[in-house]
Amino acid sequence: MTTLTVDLGERSYPIYIDGNLLGQADLLQQHIPGNSALIVSNETVAPLYLEKTQAMLSGLKHKSVILPDGEKYKNLEVLNQIYDGLLRNRFDRNTTVIALGGGVVGDMAGFAAASYQRGVHLIQIPTTLLSQVDSSVGGKTGVNHALGKNMIGAFYQPKAVIADTDTLNTLPDRELSAGIAEIIKYGLINNANFFIWLEQNMQALLKRDKQALTYAIKVSCQSKADIVAADERESGQRALLNLGHTFGHAIENGMGYGEWLHGEAVGAGMCMAAVMSNQLGWMSDEDTQKTINLIEQARLPTKAPPTMSTEQFLELMSVDKKVLDGVLRLVLMKGIGQSIVTDDFKTEDLNKVIEHSLIAENDQQ
């Protein structure tokens, strides 16, 4: 078993990465301070892994809340189902919320834990590649709003992250590729050697080679753990983790939450960020093309959806969380493994990239 640590002083916590972790009750219970737990899962994951998770809670009071599956249900209305489960069963301030599922479940259960009685314990058990390499680590929790993705939430760290790689065996191919988008992100933002490894091992990842997947998860989690330890609340370098996300969130919202998976939108968004970096003269033609090629190899979109317009993009990007004092900032690149957060671009530069992506996608139809 690989064990990494997110170093946040007294709030530090481990990330466990291995197969068959859902069979280890001691591993889970050592991170539950009280004698009660609420499992939050969804209609897809619960039939597969809820029973195993319940068995790990033997001797403790535990209940479950099963949410509908999908990004479109990541809202305040559905969040109330978690609060209902906590209140109906009279869970107190020493209970532990266990998030069993992908990024949506993790974000919603995390926000419920952060806000119920002003904060109860949280454990993340991510069951998708995207959640294992990214969303379960770092304490970002929240829900979507009709006007913006993840605009309502809190920073709230778990007691532990238990990433059982065996759960990836039941992951649909489309979800696997969506997770690989976040893995590629880590190569692009600060690890050129990892990017080269991904170029050499992309087919192994797509074929679910256990050794390759475990290595990619480990490197990604270590990268995120280091960044979060240095900048927990995104006042500086943590914003680099949003490479491709400002474009991607606009796509998710513009298409309707759930039409494009988060990783699919981020894949297209990273391509748009690479093209813009290239147009500004910051990123070479070679590195730009390598970025697009790797995202394409991962079976991810490389262009924006043709049904969107430049005006719609700009409107949706204007409510991004990286907007400060009315100024939009983007994560762009000086090269593979060299990302920056910047507002050093003109509106016409951004318009040109959006229009290029939309026209190119329309040409492919």
Protein backbone atom coordinates (compact mmCIF):
# COMPACT_ATOMS: atom_id res chain seq x y z
CA MET A 1 0.00 0.00 0.00
CA THR A 2 1.20 3.50 -0.86
CA THR A 3 0.57 6.10 1.85
CA LEU A 4 1.02 9.80 1.13
CA THR A 5 0.46 12.71 3.51
CA VAL A 6 -1.22 16.06 2.97
CA ASP A 7 0.86 18.16 5.37
CA LEU A 8 -1.39 20.70 7.07
CA GLY A 9 0.02 20.64 10.58
CA GLU A 10 -2.55 19.40 13.08
CA ARG A 11 -5.01 18.84 10.22
CA SER A 12 -2.66 16.63 8.19
CA TYR A 13 -4.16 13.45 6.78
CA PRO A 14 -3.13 10.35 4.86
CA ILE A 15 -3.99 9.23 1.33
CA TYR A 16 -4.03 5.43 1.03
CA ILE A 17 -3.62 3.96 -2.47
CA ASP A 18 -3.95 0.21 -3.17
CA GLY A 19 -6.34 -2.54 -4.16
CA ASN A 20 -8.72 -4.27 -1.72
CA LEU A 21 -8.81 -1.35 0.72
CA LEU A 22 -12.59 -1.66 1.03
CA GLY A 23 -12.01 -4.92 2.83
CA GLN A 24 -9.94 -3.40 5.64
CA ALA A 25 -12.18 -2.26 8.49
CA ASP A 26 -9.28 -1.23 10.74
CA LEU A 27 -7.99 1.15 8.08
CA LEU A 28 -11.28 3.02 8.02
CA GLN A 29 -12.22 2.89 11.70
CA GLN A 30 -8.92 4.32 12.93
CA HIS A 31 -9.98 7.61 11.31
CA ILE A 32 -13.48 7.70 12.85
CA PRO A 33 -13.22 9.56 16.19
CA GLY A 34 -16.80 8.88 17.36
CA ASN A 35 -19.16 5.94 17.24
CA SER A 36 -21.40 6.93 14.32
CA ALA A 37 -21.12 7.45 10.57
CA LEU A 38 -23.29 8.43 7.61
CA ILE A 39 -22.32 6.98 4.23
CA VAL A 40 -23.19 9.20 1.27
CA SER A 41 -23.18 7.44 -2.10
CA ASN A 42 -25.20 7.42 -5.34
CA GLU A 43 -27.46 5.07 -7.26
CA THR A 44 -24.61 3.82 -9.45
CA VAL A 45 -21.90 3.23 -6.83
CA ALA A 46 -24.06 1.99 -3.93
CA PRO A 47 -25.06 -1.34 -5.53
CA LEU A 48 -21.36 -2.05 -6.13
CA TYR A 49 -19.61 -0.92 -2.94
CA LEU A 50 -22.08 0.13 -0.24
CA GLU A 51 -22.29 -3.31 1.36
CA LYS A 52 -18.50 -3.57 1.61
CA THR A 53 -18.30 -0.14 3.19
CA GLN A 54 -21.07 -0.93 5.66
CA ALA A 55 -19.19 -4.10 6.68
CA MET A 56 -16.16 -1.93 7.53
CA LEU A 57 -18.33 -0.04 10.06
CA SER A 58 -19.17 -3.08 12.18
CA GLY A 59 -19.78 -2.05 15.78
CA LEU A 60 -20.64 1.55 14.91
CA LYS A 61 -24.00 3.20 14.39
CA HIS A 62 -24.24 3.84 10.66
CA LYS A 63 -26.82 4.88 8.10
CA SER A 64 -26.72 5.64 4.37
CA VAL A 65 -28.01 8.33 2.02
CA ILE A 66 -28.17 7.41 -1.66
CA LEU A 67 -28.23 10.35 -4.07
CA PRO A 68 -29.19 10.37 -7.76
CA ASP A 69 -26.15 10.05 -10.01
CA GLY A 70 -24.92 12.90 -12.16
CA GLU A 71 -23.50 16.41 -12.23
CA LYS A 72 -26.96 17.86 -12.79
CA TYR A 73 -27.89 16.77 -9.25
CA LYS A 74 -24.98 18.62 -7.65
CA ASN A 75 -27.16 21.38 -6.23
CA LEU A 76 -28.61 22.73 -3.00
CA GLU A 77 -31.90 20.88 -3.42
CA VAL A 78 -30.25 17.44 -3.55
CA LEU A 79 -27.75 18.47 -0.86
CA ASN A 80 -30.70 18.70 1.51
CA GLN A 81 -31.09 14.92 1.27
CA ILE A 82 -27.79 14.57 3.16
CA TYR A 83 -28.90 17.03 5.85
CA ASP A 84 -32.20 15.15 6.09
CA GLY A 85 -30.31 11.89 6.71
CA LEU A 86 -28.12 13.48 9.37
CA LEU A 87 -31.01 15.13 11.19
CA ARG A 88 -33.51 12.29 10.89
CA ASN A 89 -31.03 9.90 12.48
CA ARG A 90 -29.99 12.45 15.09
CA PHE A 91 -26.31 12.39 14.24
CA ASP A 92 -24.33 14.67 16.51
CA ARG A 93 -21.21 16.78 16.11
CA ASN A 94 -18.91 13.78 16.57
CA THR A 95 -20.30 11.80 13.64
CA THR A 96 -18.31 11.07 10.48
CA VAL A 97 -19.62 11.60 6.96
CA ILE A 98 -18.15 9.06 4.51
CA ALA A 99 -18.18 10.04 0.85
CA LEU A 100 -18.37 6.85 -1.25
CA GLY A 101 -18.34 7.73 -4.93
CA GLY A 102 -16.91 10.07 -7.52
CA GLY A 103 -16.32 13.80 -7.55
CA VAL A 104 -19.97 14.84 -7.23
CA VAL A 105 -20.55 12.66 -4.17
CA GLY A 106 -17.25 13.78 -2.64
CA ASP A 107 -17.96 17.48 -3.16
CA MET A 108 -21.52 17.28 -1.83
CA ALA A 109 -20.78 15.03 1.14
CA GLY A 110 -17.80 17.23 1.96
CA PHE A 111 -19.90 20.39 1.92
CA ALA A 112 -22.54 18.73 4.08
CA ALA A 113 -19.83 17.70 6.57
CA ALA A 114 -18.39 21.22 6.57
CA SER A 115 -21.73 22.86 7.31
CA TYR A 116 -23.70 20.36 9.43
CA GLN A 117 -23.56 21.61 13.04
CA ARG A 118 -20.74 23.86 11.76
CA GLY A 119 -18.52 20.91 10.96
CA VAL A 120 -18.38 17.15 11.49
CA HIS A 121 -15.72 14.61 10.53
CA LEU A 122 -15.21 13.59 6.88
CA ILE A 123 -13.60 10.63 5.12
CA GLN A 124 -13.29 10.38 1.34
CA ILE A 125 -13.53 6.99 -0.39
CA PRO A 126 -13.22 7.95 -4.08
CA THR A 127 -14.37 5.33 -6.62
CA THR A 128 -13.57 7.08 -9.93
CA LEU A 129 -10.17 7.86 -11.40
CA LEU A 130 -10.93 11.58 -11.45
CA SER A 131 -11.83 11.63 -7.77
CA GLN A 132 -8.86 9.45 -6.79
CA VAL A 133 -6.31 11.69 -8.51
CA ASP A 134 -7.89 15.06 -7.85
CA SER A 135 -11.22 15.95 -6.28
CA SER A 136 -11.00 13.82 -3.11
CA VAL A 137 -7.71 15.47 -2.12
CA GLY A 138 -7.34 19.05 -0.95
CA GLY A 139 -10.59 19.89 0.79
CA LYS A 140 -12.55 21.65 -1.93
CA THR A 141 -16.25 20.95 -1.39
CA GLY A 142 -19.42 22.45 -2.77
CA VAL A 143 -22.33 22.47 -5.20
CA ASN A 144 -23.14 24.10 -8.52
CA HIS A 145 -25.43 27.04 -9.17
CA ALA A 146 -27.32 27.70 -12.39
CA LEU A 147 -25.01 30.68 -13.00
CA GLY A 148 -21.70 29.01 -12.13
CA LYS A 149 -19.99 25.73 -11.28
CA ASN A 150 -18.80 25.12 -7.70
CA MET A 151 -19.69 28.68 -6.71
CA ILE A 152 -21.21 27.60 -3.36
CA GLY A 153 -18.88 25.64 -1.09
CA ALA A 154 -16.15 25.55 1.52
CA PHE A 155 -12.59 24.43 2.05
CA TYR A 156 -12.91 21.44 4.38
CA GLN A 157 -10.26 18.75 4.76
CA PRO A 158 -11.04 15.05 5.34
CA LYS A 159 -9.59 12.84 8.06
CA ALA A 160 -8.33 10.44 5.39
CA VAL A 161 -8.62 9.54 1.70
CA ILE A 162 -8.93 5.82 0.93
CA ALA A 163 -8.39 5.20 -2.79
CA ASP A 164 -9.16 1.56 -3.58
CA THR A 165 -7.85 1.03 -7.11
CA ASP A 166 -10.02 -2.09 -7.51
CA THR A 167 -13.05 0.20 -7.85
CA LEU A 168 -11.67 1.34 -11.20
CA ASN A 169 -12.46 -2.11 -12.63
CA THR A 170 -16.15 -1.15 -12.82
CA LEU A 171 -15.53 2.35 -14.22
CA PRO A 172 -16.97 3.02 -17.73
CA ASP A 173 -14.37 3.85 -20.40
CA ARG A 174 -15.70 7.39 -20.77
CA GLU A 175 -15.23 8.02 -17.03
CA LEU A 176 -11.73 6.54 -17.18
CA SER A 177 -10.74 9.02 -19.89
CA ALA A 178 -12.28 11.86 -17.90
CA GLY A 179 -10.01 10.96 -15.00
CA ILE A 180 -6.96 10.84 -17.24
CA ALA A 181 -7.61 14.50 -18.12
CA GLU A 182 -6.79 15.49 -14.54
CA ILE A 183 -3.68 13.27 -14.61
CA ILE A 184 -2.45 15.03 -17.77
CA LYS A 185 -3.00 18.34 -15.97
CA TYR A 186 -0.32 17.49 -13.41
CA GLY A 187 2.23 16.86 -16.15
CA LEU A 188 1.39 20.17 -17.79
CA ILE A 189 1.44 22.39 -14.72
CA ASN A 190 4.76 21.40 -13.11
CA ASN A 191 6.10 17.98 -14.11
CA ALA A 192 7.48 17.68 -17.64
CA ASN A 193 9.02 14.27 -16.90
CA PHE A 194 5.60 12.93 -15.88
CA PHE A 195 4.16 14.30 -19.13
CA ILE A 196 6.78 12.28 -21.06
CA TRP A 197 5.85 9.20 -19.01
CA LEU A 198 2.21 9.75 -19.94
CA GLU A 199 3.10 9.94 -23.64
CA GLN A 200 4.84 6.58 -23.28
CA ASN A 201 2.17 4.91 -21.13
CA MET A 202 -1.17 6.28 -22.32
CA GLN A 203 -2.24 2.97 -23.85
CA ALA A 204 -1.42 1.14 -20.62
CA LEU A 205 -3.66 3.56 -18.70
CA LEU A 206 -6.50 3.12 -21.19
CA LYS A 207 -6.14 -0.67 -20.87
CA ARG A 208 -6.35 -0.28 -17.06
CA ASP A 209 -2.90 -1.70 -16.41
CA LYS A 210 -2.83 -1.76 -12.60
CA GLN A 211 0.82 -0.82 -12.26
CA ALA A 212 0.47 2.14 -14.61
CA LEU A 213 -2.74 3.38 -12.99
CA THR A 214 -1.29 3.09 -9.48
CA TYR A 215 1.81 5.04 -10.49
CA ALA A 216 -0.26 7.77 -12.18
CA ILE A 217 -2.53 8.08 -9.13
CA LYS A 218 0.47 8.25 -6.79
CA VAL A 219 2.26 10.97 -8.78
CA SER A 220 -0.92 13.01 -9.19
CA CYS A 221 -1.86 12.79 -5.51
CA GLN A 222 1.67 13.67 -4.41
CA SER A 223 1.67 16.70 -6.70
CA LYS A 224 -1.67 17.90 -5.37
CA ALA A 225 -0.71 17.18 -1.75
CA ASP A 226 2.43 19.31 -2.12
CA ILE A 227 0.51 22.21 -3.66
CA VAL A 228 -2.30 22.08 -1.09
CA ALA A 229 0.22 21.96 1.78
CA ALA A 230 1.82 25.14 0.43
CA ASP A 231 -1.43 26.95 -0.44
CA GLU A 232 -4.50 25.41 1.15
CA ARG A 233 -6.99 28.15 0.28
CA GLU A 234 -5.87 29.00 -3.23
CA SER A 235 -4.29 32.37 -2.53
CA GLY A 236 -1.33 31.57 -4.77
CA GLN A 237 0.06 28.50 -6.51
CA ARG A 238 -2.98 26.27 -5.88
CA ALA A 239 -4.74 28.19 -8.65
CA LEU A 240 -2.43 26.36 -11.08
CA LEU A 241 -4.56 23.26 -10.46
CA ASN A 242 -7.28 25.04 -12.45
CA LEU A 243 -5.43 24.67 -15.77
CA GLY A 244 -8.15 24.24 -18.41
CA HIS A 245 -10.89 24.63 -15.81
CA THR A 246 -12.04 28.17 -16.60
CA PHE A 247 -12.75 27.14 -20.19
CA GLY A 248 -13.99 23.75 -18.99
CA HIS A 249 -16.44 25.07 -16.42
CA ALA A 250 -17.93 27.36 -19.07
CA ILE A 251 -18.45 24.30 -21.30
CA GLU A 252 -20.09 22.28 -18.51
CA ASN A 253 -22.46 25.09 -17.63
CA GLY A 254 -23.16 26.13 -21.20
CA MET A 255 -23.98 22.60 -22.32
CA GLY A 256 -26.03 21.84 -19.20
CA TYR A 257 -24.40 20.10 -16.23
CA GLY A 258 -23.79 16.45 -17.04
CA GLU A 259 -23.84 16.63 -20.84
CA TRP A 260 -20.05 16.78 -20.89
CA LEU A 261 -18.16 15.04 -18.09
CA HIS A 262 -15.92 17.33 -16.05
CA GLY A 263 -12.76 15.68 -17.40
CA GLU A 264 -13.98 16.00 -20.98
CA ALA A 265 -14.57 19.72 -20.54
CA VAL A 266 -11.17 20.12 -18.85
CA GLY A 267 -9.50 18.24 -21.72
CA ALA A 268 -10.91 20.69 -24.26
CA GLY A 269 -10.12 23.55 -21.87
CA MET A 270 -6.46 22.54 -21.58
CA CYS A 271 -6.21 22.50 -25.36
CA MET A 272 -7.70 26.00 -25.50
CA ALA A 273 -5.22 27.15 -22.82
CA ALA A 274 -2.35 25.66 -24.84
CA VAL A 275 -3.50 27.39 -28.05
CA MET A 276 -3.84 30.71 -26.23
CA SER A 277 -0.39 30.31 -24.67
CA ASN A 278 0.96 29.65 -28.15
CA GLN A 279 -0.81 32.66 -29.66
CA LEU A 280 0.68 34.89 -26.95
CA GLY A 281 4.13 33.62 -27.92
CA TRP A 282 4.67 31.83 -24.60
CA MET A 283 4.45 28.18 -25.68
CA SER A 284 6.19 26.60 -28.66
CA ASP A 285 4.32 25.07 -31.57
CA GLU A 286 5.86 21.70 -30.64
CA ASP A 287 4.70 21.76 -27.01
CA THR A 288 1.26 22.99 -28.04
CA GLN A 289 0.84 20.12 -30.48
CA LYS A 290 2.18 17.58 -27.96
CA THR A 291 -0.45 18.76 -25.48
CA ILE A 292 -3.28 18.42 -27.98
CA ASN A 293 -1.99 15.04 -29.18
CA LEU A 294 -1.83 13.57 -25.66
CA ILE A 295 -5.34 14.76 -24.81
CA GLU A 296 -6.59 13.27 -28.07
CA GLN A 297 -4.82 9.96 -27.29
CA ALA A 298 -6.72 9.88 -23.99
CA ARG A 299 -9.95 9.87 -26.06
CA LEU A 300 -10.93 13.31 -24.86
CA PRO A 301 -12.36 16.29 -26.79
CA THR A 302 -9.79 18.81 -27.97
CA LYS A 303 -12.25 21.48 -29.15
CA ALA A 304 -15.15 23.40 -27.64
CA PRO A 305 -18.71 22.22 -28.37
CA PRO A 306 -19.92 23.81 -31.63
CA THR A 307 -23.32 24.70 -30.17
CA MET A 308 -21.76 27.33 -27.90
CA SER A 309 -20.98 30.90 -28.93
CA THR A 310 -18.10 33.23 -28.08
CA GLU A 311 -20.51 35.52 -26.22
CA GLN A 312 -21.80 32.62 -24.13
CA PHE A 313 -18.24 31.58 -23.26
CA LEU A 314 -17.28 35.08 -22.15
CA GLU A 315 -20.43 35.49 -20.06
CA LEU A 316 -19.88 32.19 -18.25
CA MET A 317 -16.16 32.79 -17.75
CA SER A 318 -16.91 36.17 -16.16
CA VAL A 319 -18.25 34.42 -13.03
CA ASP A 320 -15.20 32.17 -12.64
CA LYS A 321 -13.74 31.99 -9.12
CA LYS A 322 -10.39 33.32 -10.41
CA VAL A 323 -11.99 36.65 -11.30
CA LEU A 324 -10.58 39.25 -8.88
CA ASP A 325 -11.86 42.84 -8.79
CA GLY A 326 -13.63 42.23 -12.07
CA VAL A 327 -10.50 40.99 -13.86
CA LEU A 328 -10.42 37.47 -15.32
CA ARG A 329 -7.27 35.47 -14.68
CA LEU A 330 -6.35 32.33 -16.58
CA VAL A 331 -3.91 29.48 -16.03
CA LEU A 332 -1.67 29.43 -19.10
CA MET A 333 1.67 27.85 -19.95
CA LYS A 334 5.20 28.90 -20.82
CA GLY A 335 5.82 25.31 -21.90
CA ILE A 336 5.04 21.76 -20.78
CA GLY A 337 5.53 21.67 -17.02
CA GLN A 338 5.62 25.48 -16.72
CA SER A 339 2.23 26.97 -15.90
CA ILE A 340 1.35 30.44 -14.62
CA VAL A 341 -1.72 32.33 -13.41
CA THR A 342 -2.04 35.56 -15.37
CA ASP A 343 -4.28 38.39 -16.47
CA ASP A 344 -1.64 39.53 -18.96
CA PHE A 345 -3.75 39.15 -22.08
CA LYS A 346 -6.24 41.19 -24.04
CA THR A 347 -9.93 40.38 -24.49
CA GLU A 348 -9.30 40.03 -28.21
CA ASP A 349 -6.67 37.33 -27.47
CA LEU A 350 -9.28 35.35 -25.55
CA ASN A 351 -11.95 35.92 -28.22
CA LYS A 352 -9.60 34.64 -30.88
CA VAL A 353 -8.93 31.37 -29.01
CA ILE A 354 -12.63 30.73 -28.38
CA GLU A 355 -13.58 31.49 -31.98
CA HIS A 356 -10.73 29.30 -33.28
CA SER A 357 -11.90 26.36 -31.17
CA LEU A 358 -15.54 26.76 -32.18
CA ILE A 359 -14.75 27.14 -35.88
CA ALA A 360 -12.34 24.17 -35.82
CA GLU A 361 -14.97 21.99 -34.13
CA ASN A 362 -17.63 23.04 -36.64
CA ASP A 363 -15.25 22.18 -39.49
CA GLN A 364 -15.02 18.63 -38.09
CA GLN A 365 -18.80 18.08 -38.02
